[in-house]
């Protein structure tokens, strides 16, 4: 049973890492529409680069089992900010995706913490 939980946790972490890797690329090379969205939300012109760097860091940290907790935590922080940004600005059509990824990040975090406690 524990083996299948670890396998599920690892698969979920790798899928989450892939999401953050693609998200990092998308934020590093944003379209005009996304640049306008960042401006509408009140962020400076360079903010998408910070977002890209944080997403890349989360992706890389999620890959290793020893750093997965940090990656899931960082991913949860980034997606919390994204969810809150869209909610605070009434941009509800963009709220669902970051909220789902936040939930997945928290799930990976909980599973990773549980696995660490079992092995400690």
PDB file of N, CA and C in Angstrom:
ATOM      1  N   UNK A   1       0.823  -1.195   0.000  1.00  0.00           N
ATOM      2  CA  UNK A   1       0.000   0.000   0.000  1.00  0.00           C
ATOM      3  C   UNK A   1       0.865   1.255   0.000  1.00  0.00           C
ATOM      4  N   UNK A   2       1.868   1.296   0.857  1.00  0.00           N
ATOM      5  CA  UNK A   2       2.728   2.472   0.923  1.00  0.00           C
ATOM      6  C   UNK A   2       3.455   2.683  -0.404  1.00  0.00           C
ATOM      7  N   UNK A   3       3.828   1.592  -1.063  1.00  0.00           N
ATOM      8  CA  UNK A   3       4.530   1.700  -2.342  1.00  0.00           C
ATOM      9  C   UNK A   3       3.656   2.380  -3.390  1.00  0.00           C
ATOM     10  N   UNK A   4       2.369   2.025  -3.458  1.00  0.00           N
ATOM     11  CA  UNK A   4       1.488   2.651  -4.435  1.00  0.00           C
ATOM     12  C   UNK A   4       1.260   4.118  -4.099  1.00  0.00           C
ATOM     13  N   UNK A   5       1.217   4.459  -2.822  1.00  0.00           N
ATOM     14  CA  UNK A   5       1.066   5.854  -2.424  1.00  0.00           C
ATOM     15  C   UNK A   5       2.288   6.652  -2.855  1.00  0.00           C
ATOM     16  N   UNK A   6       3.482   6.076  -2.662  1.00  0.00           N
ATOM     17  CA  UNK A   6       4.695   6.772  -3.084  1.00  0.00           C
ATOM     18  C   UNK A   6       4.730   6.919  -4.599  1.00  0.00           C
ATOM     19  N   UNK A   7       4.304   5.909  -5.328  1.00  0.00           N
ATOM     20  CA  UNK A   7       4.284   5.984  -6.779  1.00  0.00           C
ATOM     21  C   UNK A   7       3.311   7.046  -7.245  1.00  0.00           C
ATOM     22  N   UNK A   8       2.127   7.096  -6.631  1.00  0.00           N
ATOM     23  CA  UNK A   8       1.143   8.116  -6.980  1.00  0.00           C
ATOM     24  C   UNK A   8       1.687   9.502  -6.667  1.00  0.00           C
ATOM     25  N   UNK A   9       2.318   9.631  -5.518  1.00  0.00           N
ATOM     26  CA  UNK A   9       2.902  10.908  -5.107  1.00  0.00           C
ATOM     27  C   UNK A   9       3.981  11.358  -6.084  1.00  0.00           C
ATOM     28  N   UNK A  10       4.832  10.429  -6.495  1.00  0.00           N
ATOM     29  CA  UNK A  10       5.900  10.760  -7.439  1.00  0.00           C
ATOM     30  C   UNK A  10       5.331  11.159  -8.799  1.00  0.00           C
ATOM     31  N   UNK A  11       4.341  10.419  -9.269  1.00  0.00           N
ATOM     32  CA  UNK A  11       3.711  10.740 -10.550  1.00  0.00           C
ATOM     33  C   UNK A  11       3.073  12.120 -10.504  1.00  0.00           C
ATOM     34  N   UNK A  12       2.361  12.400  -9.429  1.00  0.00           N
ATOM     35  CA  UNK A  12       1.720  13.701  -9.271  1.00  0.00           C
ATOM     36  C   UNK A  12       2.762  14.819  -9.205  1.00  0.00           C
ATOM     37  N   UNK A  13       3.853  14.569  -8.507  1.00  0.00           N
ATOM     38  CA  UNK A  13       4.925  15.564  -8.401  1.00  0.00           C
ATOM     39  C   UNK A  13       5.560  15.833  -9.766  1.00  0.00           C
ATOM     40  N   UNK A  14       5.782  14.785 -10.557  1.00  0.00           N
ATOM     41  CA  UNK A  14       6.374  14.963 -11.885  1.00  0.00           C
ATOM     42  C   UNK A  14       5.418  15.703 -12.820  1.00  0.00           C
ATOM     43  N   UNK A  15       4.131  15.403 -12.734  1.00  0.00           N
ATOM     44  CA  UNK A  15       3.152  16.128 -13.550  1.00  0.00           C
ATOM     45  C   UNK A  15       3.100  17.606 -13.149  1.00  0.00           C
ATOM     46  N   UNK A  16       3.172  17.848 -11.853  1.00  0.00           N
ATOM     47  CA  UNK A  16       3.189  19.220 -11.352  1.00  0.00           C
ATOM     48  C   UNK A  16       4.460  19.936 -11.804  1.00  0.00           C
ATOM     49  N   UNK A  17       5.587  19.232 -11.766  1.00  0.00           N
ATOM     50  CA  UNK A  17       6.847  19.816 -12.239  1.00  0.00           C
ATOM     51  C   UNK A  17       6.741  20.185 -13.714  1.00  0.00           C
ATOM     52  N   UNK A  18       6.115  19.324 -14.513  1.00  0.00           N
ATOM     53  CA  UNK A  18       5.931  19.623 -15.940  1.00  0.00           C
ATOM     54  C   UNK A  18       5.064  20.862 -16.116  1.00  0.00           C
ATOM     55  N   UNK A  19       4.002  20.976 -15.329  1.00  0.00           N
ATOM     56  CA  UNK A  19       3.149  22.163 -15.403  1.00  0.00           C
ATOM     57  C   UNK A  19       3.959  23.420 -15.111  1.00  0.00           C
ATOM     58  N   UNK A  20       4.741  23.383 -14.026  1.00  0.00           N
ATOM     59  CA  UNK A  20       5.526  24.567 -13.659  1.00  0.00           C
ATOM     60  C   UNK A  20       6.628  24.859 -14.690  1.00  0.00           C
ATOM     61  N   UNK A  21       7.178  23.828 -15.303  1.00  0.00           N
ATOM     62  CA  UNK A  21       8.185  24.044 -16.343  1.00  0.00           C
ATOM     63  C   UNK A  21       7.564  24.769 -17.541  1.00  0.00           C
ATOM     64  N   UNK A  22       6.412  24.293 -17.993  1.00  0.00           N
ATOM     65  CA  UNK A  22       5.734  24.964 -19.105  1.00  0.00           C
ATOM     66  C   UNK A  22       5.253  26.353 -18.704  1.00  0.00           C
ATOM     67  N   UNK A  23       4.786  26.478 -17.466  1.00  0.00           N
ATOM     68  CA  UNK A  23       4.356  27.785 -16.967  1.00  0.00           C
ATOM     69  C   UNK A  23       5.507  28.769 -16.909  1.00  0.00           C
ATOM     70  N   UNK A  24       6.677  28.278 -16.543  1.00  0.00           N
ATOM     71  CA  UNK A  24       7.864  29.124 -16.492  1.00  0.00           C
ATOM     72  C   UNK A  24       8.199  29.664 -17.880  1.00  0.00           C
ATOM     73  N   UNK A  25       8.163  28.770 -18.851  1.00  0.00           N
ATOM     74  CA  UNK A  25       8.428  29.189 -20.235  1.00  0.00           C
ATOM     75  C   UNK A  25       7.389  30.222 -20.689  1.00  0.00           C
ATOM     76  N   UNK A  26       6.128  29.935 -20.384  1.00  0.00           N
ATOM     77  CA  UNK A  26       5.055  30.846 -20.771  1.00  0.00           C
ATOM     78  C   UNK A  26       5.159  32.206 -20.116  1.00  0.00           C
ATOM     79  N   UNK A  27       5.650  32.255 -18.891  1.00  0.00           N
ATOM     80  CA  UNK A  27       5.816  33.540 -18.218  1.00  0.00           C
ATOM     81  C   UNK A  27       7.084  34.263 -18.647  1.00  0.00           C
ATOM     82  N   UNK A  28       8.085  33.531 -19.061  1.00  0.00           N
ATOM     83  CA  UNK A  28       9.315  34.175 -19.537  1.00  0.00           C
ATOM     84  C   UNK A  28       9.096  34.826 -20.900  1.00  0.00           C
ATOM     85  N   UNK A  29       8.256  34.201 -21.716  1.00  0.00           N
ATOM     86  CA  UNK A  29       7.994  34.689 -23.073  1.00  0.00           C
ATOM     87  C   UNK A  29       6.507  34.957 -23.243  1.00  0.00           C
ATOM     88  N   UNK A  30       5.994  35.936 -22.508  1.00  0.00           N
ATOM     89  CA  UNK A  30       4.559  36.177 -22.480  1.00  0.00           C
ATOM     90  C   UNK A  30       4.050  36.825 -23.763  1.00  0.00           C
ATOM     91  N   UNK A  31       2.787  36.576 -24.015  1.00  0.00           N
ATOM     92  CA  UNK A  31       2.108  37.200 -25.147  1.00  0.00           C
ATOM     93  C   UNK A  31       1.673  38.603 -24.748  1.00  0.00           C
ATOM     94  N   UNK A  32       1.240  39.354 -25.717  1.00  0.00           N
ATOM     95  CA  UNK A  32       0.745  40.709 -25.450  1.00  0.00           C
ATOM     96  C   UNK A  32      -0.480  40.669 -24.532  1.00  0.00           C
ATOM     97  N   UNK A  33      -1.312  39.648 -24.692  1.00  0.00           N
ATOM     98  CA  UNK A  33      -2.503  39.518 -23.839  1.00  0.00           C
ATOM     99  C   UNK A  33      -2.125  39.309 -22.381  1.00  0.00           C
ATOM    100  N   UNK A  34      -1.129  38.455 -22.143  1.00  0.00           N
ATOM    101  CA  UNK A  34      -0.701  38.223 -20.764  1.00  0.00           C
ATOM    102  C   UNK A  34       0.042  39.430 -20.194  1.00  0.00           C
ATOM    103  N   UNK A  35       0.781  40.123 -21.015  1.00  0.00           N
ATOM    104  CA  UNK A  35       1.442  41.353 -20.551  1.00  0.00           C
ATOM    105  C   UNK A  35       0.389  42.375 -20.128  1.00  0.00           C
ATOM    106  N   UNK A  36      -0.698  42.458 -20.904  1.00  0.00           N
ATOM    107  CA  UNK A  36      -1.784  43.374 -20.556  1.00  0.00           C
ATOM    108  C   UNK A  36      -2.461  42.938 -19.260  1.00  0.00           C
ATOM    109  N   UNK A  37      -2.597  41.634 -19.062  1.00  0.00           N
ATOM    110  CA  UNK A  37      -3.206  41.129 -17.827  1.00  0.00           C
ATOM    111  C   UNK A  37      -2.341  41.479 -16.617  1.00  0.00           C
ATOM    112  N   UNK A  38      -1.037  41.269 -16.718  1.00  0.00           N
ATOM    113  CA  UNK A  38      -0.136  41.638 -15.616  1.00  0.00           C
ATOM    114  C   UNK A  38      -0.249  43.134 -15.312  1.00  0.00           C
ATOM    115  N   UNK A  39      -0.313  43.965 -16.346  1.00  0.00           N
ATOM    116  CA  UNK A  39      -0.451  45.406 -16.150  1.00  0.00           C
ATOM    117  C   UNK A  39      -1.798  45.735 -15.503  1.00  0.00           C
ATOM    118  N   UNK A  40      -2.847  45.074 -15.962  1.00  0.00           N
ATOM    119  CA  UNK A  40      -4.185  45.300 -15.413  1.00  0.00           C
ATOM    120  C   UNK A  40      -4.236  44.911 -13.935  1.00  0.00           C
ATOM    121  N   UNK A  41      -3.487  43.883 -13.571  1.00  0.00           N
ATOM    122  CA  UNK A  41      -3.458  43.436 -12.181  1.00  0.00           C
ATOM    123  C   UNK A  41      -2.550  44.309 -11.312  1.00  0.00           C
ATOM    124  N   UNK A  42      -1.852  45.260 -11.921  1.00  0.00           N
ATOM    125  CA  UNK A  42      -1.035  46.201 -11.162  1.00  0.00           C
ATOM    126  C   UNK A  42       0.414  45.792 -10.958  1.00  0.00           C
ATOM    127  N   UNK A  43       0.895  44.802 -11.704  1.00  0.00           N
ATOM    128  CA  UNK A  43       2.277  44.361 -11.559  1.00  0.00           C
ATOM    129  C   UNK A  43       3.200  45.126 -12.507  1.00  0.00           C
ATOM    130  N   UNK A  44       4.459  45.323 -12.108  1.00  0.00           N
ATOM    131  CA  UNK A  44       5.419  46.012 -12.988  1.00  0.00           C
ATOM    132  C   UNK A  44       5.768  45.146 -14.205  1.00  0.00           C
ATOM    133  N   UNK A  45       6.344  45.778 -15.204  1.00  0.00           N
ATOM    134  CA  UNK A  45       6.671  45.103 -16.472  1.00  0.00           C
ATOM    135  C   UNK A  45       7.550  43.870 -16.299  1.00  0.00           C
ATOM    136  N   UNK A  46       8.426  43.868 -15.315  1.00  0.00           N
ATOM    137  CA  UNK A  46       9.382  42.779 -15.125  1.00  0.00           C
ATOM    138  C   UNK A  46       8.828  41.633 -14.285  1.00  0.00           C
ATOM    139  N   UNK A  47       7.653  41.777 -13.730  1.00  0.00           N
ATOM    140  CA  UNK A  47       7.155  40.808 -12.757  1.00  0.00           C
ATOM    141  C   UNK A  47       6.987  39.407 -13.340  1.00  0.00           C
ATOM    142  N   UNK A  48       6.671  39.319 -14.615  1.00  0.00           N
ATOM    143  CA  UNK A  48       6.490  37.999 -15.221  1.00  0.00           C
ATOM    144  C   UNK A  48       7.794  37.203 -15.227  1.00  0.00           C
ATOM    145  N   UNK A  49       8.937  37.910 -15.245  1.00  0.00           N
ATOM    146  CA  UNK A  49      10.225  37.205 -15.161  1.00  0.00           C
ATOM    147  C   UNK A  49      10.428  36.592 -13.775  1.00  0.00           C
ATOM    148  N   UNK A  50      10.013  37.308 -12.747  1.00  0.00           N
ATOM    149  CA  UNK A  50      10.083  36.771 -11.391  1.00  0.00           C
ATOM    150  C   UNK A  50       9.187  35.540 -11.270  1.00  0.00           C
ATOM    151  N   UNK A  51       7.991  35.638 -11.811  1.00  0.00           N
ATOM    152  CA  UNK A  51       7.071  34.504 -11.798  1.00  0.00           C
ATOM    153  C   UNK A  51       7.688  33.311 -12.527  1.00  0.00           C
ATOM    154  N   UNK A  52       8.293  33.564 -13.677  1.00  0.00           N
ATOM    155  CA  UNK A  52       8.935  32.493 -14.455  1.00  0.00           C
ATOM    156  C   UNK A  52      10.054  31.832 -13.648  1.00  0.00           C
ATOM    157  N   UNK A  53      10.859  32.636 -12.979  1.00  0.00           N
ATOM    158  CA  UNK A  53      11.969  32.091 -12.188  1.00  0.00           C
ATOM    159  C   UNK A  53      11.455  31.247 -11.021  1.00  0.00           C
ATOM    160  N   UNK A  54      10.415  31.717 -10.350  1.00  0.00           N
ATOM    161  CA  UNK A  54       9.854  30.960  -9.227  1.00  0.00           C
ATOM    162  C   UNK A  54       9.227  29.650  -9.705  1.00  0.00           C
ATOM    163  N   UNK A  55       8.553  29.688 -10.848  1.00  0.00           N
ATOM    164  CA  UNK A  55       7.965  28.466 -11.386  1.00  0.00           C
ATOM    165  C   UNK A  55       9.042  27.477 -11.819  1.00  0.00           C
ATOM    166  N   UNK A  56      10.112  27.976 -12.408  1.00  0.00           N
ATOM    167  CA  UNK A  56      11.220  27.103 -12.791  1.00  0.00           C
ATOM    168  C   UNK A  56      11.852  26.468 -11.554  1.00  0.00           C
ATOM    169  N   UNK A  57      12.053  27.259 -10.515  1.00  0.00           N
ATOM    170  CA  UNK A  57      12.615  26.726  -9.266  1.00  0.00           C
ATOM    171  C   UNK A  57      11.687  25.660  -8.679  1.00  0.00           C
ATOM    172  N   UNK A  58      10.389  25.918  -8.674  1.00  0.00           N
ATOM    173  CA  UNK A  58       9.437  24.934  -8.155  1.00  0.00           C
ATOM    174  C   UNK A  58       9.515  23.639  -8.961  1.00  0.00           C
ATOM    175  N   UNK A  59       9.583  23.757 -10.285  1.00  0.00           N
ATOM    176  CA  UNK A  59       9.664  22.573 -11.147  1.00  0.00           C
ATOM    177  C   UNK A  59      10.908  21.748 -10.827  1.00  0.00           C
ATOM    178  N   UNK A  60      12.046  22.410 -10.731  1.00  0.00           N
ATOM    179  CA  UNK A  60      13.299  21.696 -10.467  1.00  0.00           C
ATOM    180  C   UNK A  60      13.302  21.048  -9.084  1.00  0.00           C
ATOM    181  N   UNK A  61      12.752  21.738  -8.105  1.00  0.00           N
ATOM    182  CA  UNK A  61      12.696  21.191  -6.749  1.00  0.00           C
ATOM    183  C   UNK A  61      11.730  20.010  -6.642  1.00  0.00           C
ATOM    184  N   UNK A  62      10.671  20.032  -7.425  1.00  0.00           N
ATOM    185  CA  UNK A  62       9.693  18.945  -7.395  1.00  0.00           C
ATOM    186  C   UNK A  62      10.248  17.634  -7.945  1.00  0.00           C
ATOM    187  N   UNK A  63      11.223  17.709  -8.814  1.00  0.00           N
ATOM    188  CA  UNK A  63      11.761  16.507  -9.460  1.00  0.00           C
ATOM    189  C   UNK A  63      12.460  15.594  -8.467  1.00  0.00           C
ATOM    190  N   UNK A  64      13.241  16.159  -7.582  1.00  0.00           N
ATOM    191  CA  UNK A  64      13.979  15.341  -6.610  1.00  0.00           C
ATOM    192  C   UNK A  64      13.146  15.034  -5.386  1.00  0.00           C
ATOM    193  N   UNK A  65      13.174  13.799  -4.945  1.00  0.00           N
ATOM    194  CA  UNK A  65      12.375  13.425  -3.772  1.00  0.00           C
ATOM    195  C   UNK A  65      12.867  14.146  -2.509  1.00  0.00           C
ATOM    196  N   UNK A  66      14.144  14.448  -2.447  1.00  0.00           N
ATOM    197  CA  UNK A  66      14.691  15.130  -1.281  1.00  0.00           C
ATOM    198  C   UNK A  66      14.326  16.607  -1.199  1.00  0.00           C
ATOM    199  N   UNK A  67      13.973  17.203  -2.335  1.00  0.00           N
ATOM    200  CA  UNK A  67      13.618  18.623  -2.370  1.00  0.00           C
ATOM    201  C   UNK A  67      12.147  18.845  -2.710  1.00  0.00           C
ATOM    202  N   UNK A  68      11.416  17.753  -2.825  1.00  0.00           N
ATOM    203  CA  UNK A  68      10.014  17.828  -3.270  1.00  0.00           C
ATOM    204  C   UNK A  68       9.154  18.673  -2.338  1.00  0.00           C
ATOM    205  N   UNK A  69       9.382  18.589  -1.047  1.00  0.00           N
ATOM    206  CA  UNK A  69       8.591  19.374  -0.092  1.00  0.00           C
ATOM    207  C   UNK A  69       8.775  20.863  -0.364  1.00  0.00           C
ATOM    208  N   UNK A  70      10.013  21.278  -0.589  1.00  0.00           N
ATOM    209  CA  UNK A  70      10.283  22.692  -0.890  1.00  0.00           C
ATOM    210  C   UNK A  70       9.642  23.101  -2.208  1.00  0.00           C
ATOM    211  N   UNK A  71       9.718  22.228  -3.208  1.00  0.00           N
ATOM    212  CA  UNK A  71       9.122  22.529  -4.509  1.00  0.00           C
ATOM    213  C   UNK A  71       7.612  22.653  -4.434  1.00  0.00           C
ATOM    214  N   UNK A  72       6.983  21.732  -3.710  1.00  0.00           N
ATOM    215  CA  UNK A  72       5.525  21.785  -3.560  1.00  0.00           C
ATOM    216  C   UNK A  72       5.111  23.021  -2.760  1.00  0.00           C
ATOM    217  N   UNK A  73       5.889  23.346  -1.741  1.00  0.00           N
ATOM    218  CA  UNK A  73       5.603  24.546  -0.950  1.00  0.00           C
ATOM    219  C   UNK A  73       5.742  25.814  -1.773  1.00  0.00           C
ATOM    220  N   UNK A  74       6.830  25.896  -2.540  1.00  0.00           N
ATOM    221  CA  UNK A  74       7.033  27.066  -3.396  1.00  0.00           C
ATOM    222  C   UNK A  74       5.933  27.152  -4.450  1.00  0.00           C
ATOM    223  N   UNK A  75       5.591  26.021  -5.044  1.00  0.00           N
ATOM    224  CA  UNK A  75       4.516  26.013  -6.027  1.00  0.00           C
ATOM    225  C   UNK A  75       3.198  26.468  -5.427  1.00  0.00           C
ATOM    226  N   UNK A  76       2.926  26.046  -4.196  1.00  0.00           N
ATOM    227  CA  UNK A  76       1.702  26.461  -3.516  1.00  0.00           C
ATOM    228  C   UNK A  76       1.691  27.969  -3.261  1.00  0.00           C
ATOM    229  N   UNK A  77       2.838  28.519  -2.902  1.00  0.00           N
ATOM    230  CA  UNK A  77       2.922  29.974  -2.673  1.00  0.00           C
ATOM    231  C   UNK A  77       2.668  30.732  -3.982  1.00  0.00           C
ATOM    232  N   UNK A  78       3.294  30.285  -5.065  1.00  0.00           N
ATOM    233  CA  UNK A  78       3.119  30.942  -6.369  1.00  0.00           C
ATOM    234  C   UNK A  78       1.657  30.865  -6.808  1.00  0.00           C
ATOM    235  N   UNK A  79       1.059  29.689  -6.648  1.00  0.00           N
ATOM    236  CA  UNK A  79      -0.335  29.528  -7.095  1.00  0.00           C
ATOM    237  C   UNK A  79      -1.322  30.220  -6.154  1.00  0.00           C
ATOM    238  N   UNK A  80      -0.963  30.364  -4.877  1.00  0.00           N
ATOM    239  CA  UNK A  80      -1.787  31.162  -3.966  1.00  0.00           C
ATOM    240  C   UNK A  80      -1.807  32.614  -4.421  1.00  0.00           C
ATOM    241  N   UNK A  81      -0.638  33.127  -4.779  1.00  0.00           N
ATOM    242  CA  UNK A  81      -0.548  34.507  -5.258  1.00  0.00           C
ATOM    243  C   UNK A  81      -1.347  34.687  -6.548  1.00  0.00           C
ATOM    244  N   UNK A  82      -1.245  33.711  -7.453  1.00  0.00           N
ATOM    245  CA  UNK A  82      -1.981  33.804  -8.714  1.00  0.00           C
ATOM    246  C   UNK A  82      -3.487  33.756  -8.473  1.00  0.00           C
ATOM    247  N   UNK A  83      -3.918  32.853  -7.612  1.00  0.00           N
ATOM    248  CA  UNK A  83      -5.343  32.730  -7.305  1.00  0.00           C
ATOM    249  C   UNK A  83      -5.866  34.001  -6.646  1.00  0.00           C
ATOM    250  N   UNK A  84      -5.139  34.494  -5.662  1.00  0.00           N
ATOM    251  CA  UNK A  84      -5.560  35.717  -4.969  1.00  0.00           C
ATOM    252  C   UNK A  84      -5.548  36.930  -5.893  1.00  0.00           C
ATOM    253  N   UNK A  85      -4.572  36.996  -6.788  1.00  0.00           N
ATOM    254  CA  UNK A  85      -4.508  38.103  -7.740  1.00  0.00           C
ATOM    255  C   UNK A  85      -5.753  38.134  -8.617  1.00  0.00           C
ATOM    256  N   UNK A  86      -6.113  36.977  -9.163  1.00  0.00           N
ATOM    257  CA  UNK A  86      -7.278  36.944 -10.049  1.00  0.00           C
ATOM    258  C   UNK A  86      -8.568  37.220  -9.272  1.00  0.00           C
ATOM    259  N   UNK A  87      -8.676  36.687  -8.071  1.00  0.00           N
ATOM    260  CA  UNK A  87      -9.867  36.951  -7.264  1.00  0.00           C
ATOM    261  C   UNK A  87      -9.977  38.425  -6.876  1.00  0.00           C
ATOM    262  N   UNK A  88      -8.869  39.003  -6.426  1.00  0.00           N
ATOM    263  CA  UNK A  88      -8.879  40.402  -5.994  1.00  0.00           C
ATOM    264  C   UNK A  88      -9.204  41.360  -7.137  1.00  0.00           C
ATOM    265  N   UNK A  89      -8.879  40.948  -8.357  1.00  0.00           N
ATOM    266  CA  UNK A  89      -9.134  41.806  -9.511  1.00  0.00           C
ATOM    267  C   UNK A  89     -10.405  41.430 -10.260  1.00  0.00           C
ATOM    268  N   UNK A  90     -11.180  40.526  -9.692  1.00  0.00           N
ATOM    269  CA  UNK A  90     -12.437  40.131 -10.308  1.00  0.00           C
ATOM    270  C   UNK A  90     -12.262  39.431 -11.640  1.00  0.00           C
ATOM    271  N   UNK A  91     -11.095  38.860 -11.867  1.00  0.00           N
ATOM    272  CA  UNK A  91     -10.793  38.168 -13.121  1.00  0.00           C
ATOM    273  C   UNK A  91     -11.090  36.675 -12.946  1.00  0.00           C
ATOM    274  N   UNK A  92     -12.353  36.384 -12.696  1.00  0.00           N
ATOM    275  CA  UNK A  92     -12.765  35.038 -12.308  1.00  0.00           C
ATOM    276  C   UNK A  92     -12.532  33.988 -13.389  1.00  0.00           C
ATOM    277  N   UNK A  93     -12.495  34.393 -14.642  1.00  0.00           N
ATOM    278  CA  UNK A  93     -12.263  33.420 -15.717  1.00  0.00           C
ATOM    279  C   UNK A  93     -10.846  32.851 -15.666  1.00  0.00           C
ATOM    280  N   UNK A  94      -9.931  33.543 -14.967  1.00  0.00           N
ATOM    281  CA  UNK A  94      -8.547  33.062 -14.834  1.00  0.00           C
ATOM    282  C   UNK A  94      -8.258  32.477 -13.451  1.00  0.00           C
ATOM    283  N   UNK A  95      -9.282  32.286 -12.636  1.00  0.00           N
ATOM    284  CA  UNK A  95      -9.078  31.821 -11.261  1.00  0.00           C
ATOM    285  C   UNK A  95      -9.014  30.308 -11.147  1.00  0.00           C
ATOM    286  N   UNK A  96      -9.750  29.599 -11.964  1.00  0.00           N
ATOM    287  CA  UNK A  96      -9.879  28.150 -11.802  1.00  0.00           C
ATOM    288  C   UNK A  96      -8.553  27.414 -11.933  1.00  0.00           C
ATOM    289  N   UNK A  97      -7.787  27.704 -12.980  1.00  0.00           N
ATOM    290  CA  UNK A  97      -6.528  26.979 -13.215  1.00  0.00           C
ATOM    291  C   UNK A  97      -5.548  27.124 -12.051  1.00  0.00           C
ATOM    292  N   UNK A  98      -5.232  28.347 -11.598  1.00  0.00           N
ATOM    293  CA  UNK A  98      -4.290  28.422 -10.472  1.00  0.00           C
ATOM    294  C   UNK A  98      -4.845  27.808  -9.188  1.00  0.00           C
ATOM    295  N   UNK A  99      -6.156  27.859  -9.003  1.00  0.00           N
ATOM    296  CA  UNK A  99      -6.741  27.247  -7.806  1.00  0.00           C
ATOM    297  C   UNK A  99      -6.576  25.729  -7.841  1.00  0.00           C
ATOM    298  N   UNK A 100      -6.754  25.127  -9.014  1.00  0.00           N
ATOM    299  CA  UNK A 100      -6.575  23.676  -9.144  1.00  0.00           C
ATOM    300  C   UNK A 100      -5.117  23.299  -8.925  1.00  0.00           C
ATOM    301  N   UNK A 101      -4.199  24.069  -9.517  1.00  0.00           N
ATOM    302  CA  UNK A 101      -2.769  23.779  -9.350  1.00  0.00           C
ATOM    303  C   UNK A 101      -2.353  24.001  -7.896  1.00  0.00           C
ATOM    304  N   UNK A 102      -2.942  24.973  -7.229  1.00  0.00           N
ATOM    305  CA  UNK A 102      -2.702  25.168  -5.795  1.00  0.00           C
ATOM    306  C   UNK A 102      -3.119  23.927  -5.023  1.00  0.00           C
ATOM    307  N   UNK A 103      -4.277  23.389  -5.344  1.00  0.00           N
ATOM    308  CA  UNK A 103      -4.759  22.182  -4.683  1.00  0.00           C
ATOM    309  C   UNK A 103      -3.837  20.986  -4.939  1.00  0.00           C
ATOM    310  N   UNK A 104      -3.363  20.842  -6.159  1.00  0.00           N
ATOM    311  CA  UNK A 104      -2.429  19.758  -6.484  1.00  0.00           C
ATOM    312  C   UNK A 104      -1.108  19.952  -5.740  1.00  0.00           C
ATOM    313  N   UNK A 105      -0.625  21.193  -5.689  1.00  0.00           N
ATOM    314  CA  UNK A 105       0.617  21.486  -4.959  1.00  0.00           C
ATOM    315  C   UNK A 105       0.486  21.123  -3.485  1.00  0.00           C
ATOM    316  N   UNK A 106      -0.648  21.479  -2.899  1.00  0.00           N
ATOM    317  CA  UNK A 106      -0.871  21.146  -1.486  1.00  0.00           C
ATOM    318  C   UNK A 106      -1.000  19.640  -1.276  1.00  0.00           C
ATOM    319  N   UNK A 107      -1.567  18.948  -2.247  1.00  0.00           N
ATOM    320  CA  UNK A 107      -1.667  17.486  -2.165  1.00  0.00           C
ATOM    321  C   UNK A 107      -0.284  16.845  -2.209  1.00  0.00           C
ATOM    322  N   UNK A 108       0.555  17.303  -3.146  1.00  0.00           N
ATOM    323  CA  UNK A 108       1.925  16.783  -3.234  1.00  0.00           C
ATOM    324  C   UNK A 108       2.686  17.107  -1.951  1.00  0.00           C
ATOM    325  N   UNK A 109       2.496  18.288  -1.431  1.00  0.00           N
ATOM    326  CA  UNK A 109       3.148  18.671  -0.173  1.00  0.00           C
ATOM    327  C   UNK A 109       2.716  17.737   0.957  1.00  0.00           C
ATOM    328  N   UNK A 110       1.419  17.491   1.089  1.00  0.00           N
ATOM    329  CA  UNK A 110       0.919  16.621   2.154  1.00  0.00           C
ATOM    330  C   UNK A 110       1.421  15.190   1.991  1.00  0.00           C
ATOM    331  N   UNK A 111       1.391  14.670   0.767  1.00  0.00           N
ATOM    332  CA  UNK A 111       1.876  13.308   0.528  1.00  0.00           C
ATOM    333  C   UNK A 111       3.372  13.197   0.806  1.00  0.00           C
ATOM    334  N   UNK A 112       4.133  14.215   0.437  1.00  0.00           N
ATOM    335  CA  UNK A 112       5.585  14.200   0.655  1.00  0.00           C
ATOM    336  C   UNK A 112       5.920  14.293   2.136  1.00  0.00           C
ATOM    337  N   UNK A 113       5.192  15.126   2.853  1.00  0.00           N
ATOM    338  CA  UNK A 113       5.408  15.220   4.299  1.00  0.00           C
ATOM    339  C   UNK A 113       5.048  13.909   4.984  1.00  0.00           C
ATOM    340  N   UNK A 114       3.968  13.293   4.555  1.00  0.00           N
ATOM    341  CA  UNK A 114       3.563  12.002   5.114  1.00  0.00           C
ATOM    342  C   UNK A 114       4.608  10.926   4.843  1.00  0.00           C
ATOM    343  N   UNK A 115       5.139  10.896   3.637  1.00  0.00           N
ATOM    344  CA  UNK A 115       6.173   9.905   3.287  1.00  0.00           C
ATOM    345  C   UNK A 115       7.436  10.146   4.100  1.00  0.00           C
ATOM    346  N   UNK A 116       7.782  11.398   4.314  1.00  0.00           N
ATOM    347  CA  UNK A 116       8.982  11.702   5.103  1.00  0.00           C
ATOM    348  C   UNK A 116       8.812  11.244   6.548  1.00  0.00           C
ATOM    349  N   UNK A 117       7.616  11.454   7.106  1.00  0.00           N
ATOM    350  CA  UNK A 117       7.363  11.019   8.485  1.00  0.00           C
ATOM    351  C   UNK A 117       7.435   9.505   8.618  1.00  0.00           C
ATOM    352  N   UNK A 118       6.958   8.787   7.604  1.00  0.00           N
ATOM    353  CA  UNK A 118       6.985   7.315   7.650  1.00  0.00           C
ATOM    354  C   UNK A 118       8.413   6.775   7.608  1.00  0.00           C
ATOM    355  N   UNK A 119       9.308   7.471   6.911  1.00  0.00           N
ATOM    356  CA  UNK A 119      10.682   6.979   6.761  1.00  0.00           C
ATOM    357  C   UNK A 119      11.587   7.497   7.867  1.00  0.00           C
ATOM    358  N   UNK A 120      11.147   8.490   8.613  1.00  0.00           N
ATOM    359  CA  UNK A 120      11.992   9.064   9.665  1.00  0.00           C
ATOM    360  C   UNK A 120      12.005   8.222  10.913  1.00  0.00           C
TER     361      UNK A 120
END
